[in-house]
Structures are given as C-alpha cells and as structure tokens.
Protein backbone atom coordinates (compact mmCIF):
# COMPACT_ATOMS: atom_id res chain seq x y z
CA MET A 1 31.11 34.25 3.42
CA ALA A 2 28.58 34.69 6.21
CA VAL A 3 29.65 33.13 9.50
CA PRO A 4 27.56 33.18 12.68
CA LYS A 5 29.06 35.20 15.51
CA ARG A 6 27.94 32.78 18.24
CA LYS A 7 27.12 29.10 18.37
CA ILE A 8 23.39 28.39 18.42
CA SER A 9 22.60 26.41 21.56
CA LYS A 10 20.91 23.01 21.34
CA ALA A 11 17.84 24.35 23.13
CA ARG A 12 17.40 27.23 20.69
CA ARG A 13 17.96 24.93 17.70
CA ASP A 14 15.44 22.37 18.99
CA LYS A 15 12.83 25.07 19.69
CA ARG A 16 13.04 26.09 16.06
CA ARG A 17 12.60 22.46 14.94
CA SER A 18 9.66 21.75 17.24
CA HIS A 19 7.12 22.24 14.42
CA ASP A 20 8.92 19.94 11.98
CA SER A 21 7.63 16.67 13.47
CA LEU A 22 5.09 14.61 11.56
CA SER A 23 1.65 14.22 13.03
CA THR A 24 0.07 10.77 13.37
CA VAL A 25 -2.82 9.88 11.08
CA ASN A 26 -6.00 9.02 12.95
CA TRP A 27 -7.45 5.66 11.78
CA VAL A 28 -10.73 4.19 13.01
CA GLU A 29 -12.56 0.96 12.28
CA ASP A 30 -15.43 1.28 9.81
CA GLN A 31 -18.79 0.43 11.38
CA ASN A 32 -20.10 -1.44 8.33
CA THR A 33 -17.07 -3.24 6.90
CA GLY A 34 -14.67 -3.31 9.86
CA GLU A 35 -11.82 -2.01 7.69
CA PRO A 36 -9.53 0.79 8.93
CA VAL A 37 -10.51 4.17 7.45
CA ARG A 38 -9.35 7.73 8.06
CA ARG A 39 -11.67 9.95 10.04
CA HIS A 40 -13.56 12.70 8.18
CA HIS A 41 -12.80 11.12 4.79
CA ILE A 42 -15.12 9.48 2.26
CA ASP A 43 -14.62 5.73 1.91
CA MET A 44 -13.76 5.54 -1.78
CA LYS A 45 -14.55 1.81 -2.00
CA THR A 46 -18.15 2.06 -0.77
CA GLY A 47 -18.81 5.80 -1.24
CA MET A 48 -20.09 6.16 2.34
CA TYR A 49 -19.52 9.12 4.65
CA LYS A 50 -21.03 9.41 8.15
CA GLY A 51 -23.33 6.45 7.52
CA ARG A 52 -24.89 7.73 4.31
CA GLN A 53 -24.22 7.13 0.63
CA VAL A 54 -22.41 10.11 -0.90
CA LEU A 55 -20.94 8.58 -4.05
CA GLU A 56 -22.27 5.75 -6.17
CA GLU A 57 -20.52 2.44 -5.46
CA ARG A 58 -17.62 1.39 -7.64
CA GLY A 59 -17.80 -2.12 -9.01
C-alpha cells in the first residue's frame, strides 16, 4: 500500500485546492422587464439579447 513519506502541510494542501472554489454567477436587472437575468445570455422568455429580438417570443 502506498503511504506518503511526509505529511503534506496545510499551506501546500490549500494551494492545491485554491482552484476548487465555485465562482459567483453575475446577475443583472433586465432593462425592459426588470427581472434578474444572467449577463451575456439570451432571455428565453422574451427572446431578447442586447436589446434586439433574436428568437421569436414564446407564448
């Protein structure tokens, strides 16, 4: 069975885990409806993106 020769220090362990954190999702208020929407995403309810109609509206 493989056993480490030395104990990994807390600093070294935490440096390795520094990229494991979750990033926060950026929400903004929609200019037309006032609802929270994600930036750089099409609003699936209205079909708008950057102030123009990209998809036909869903009823």
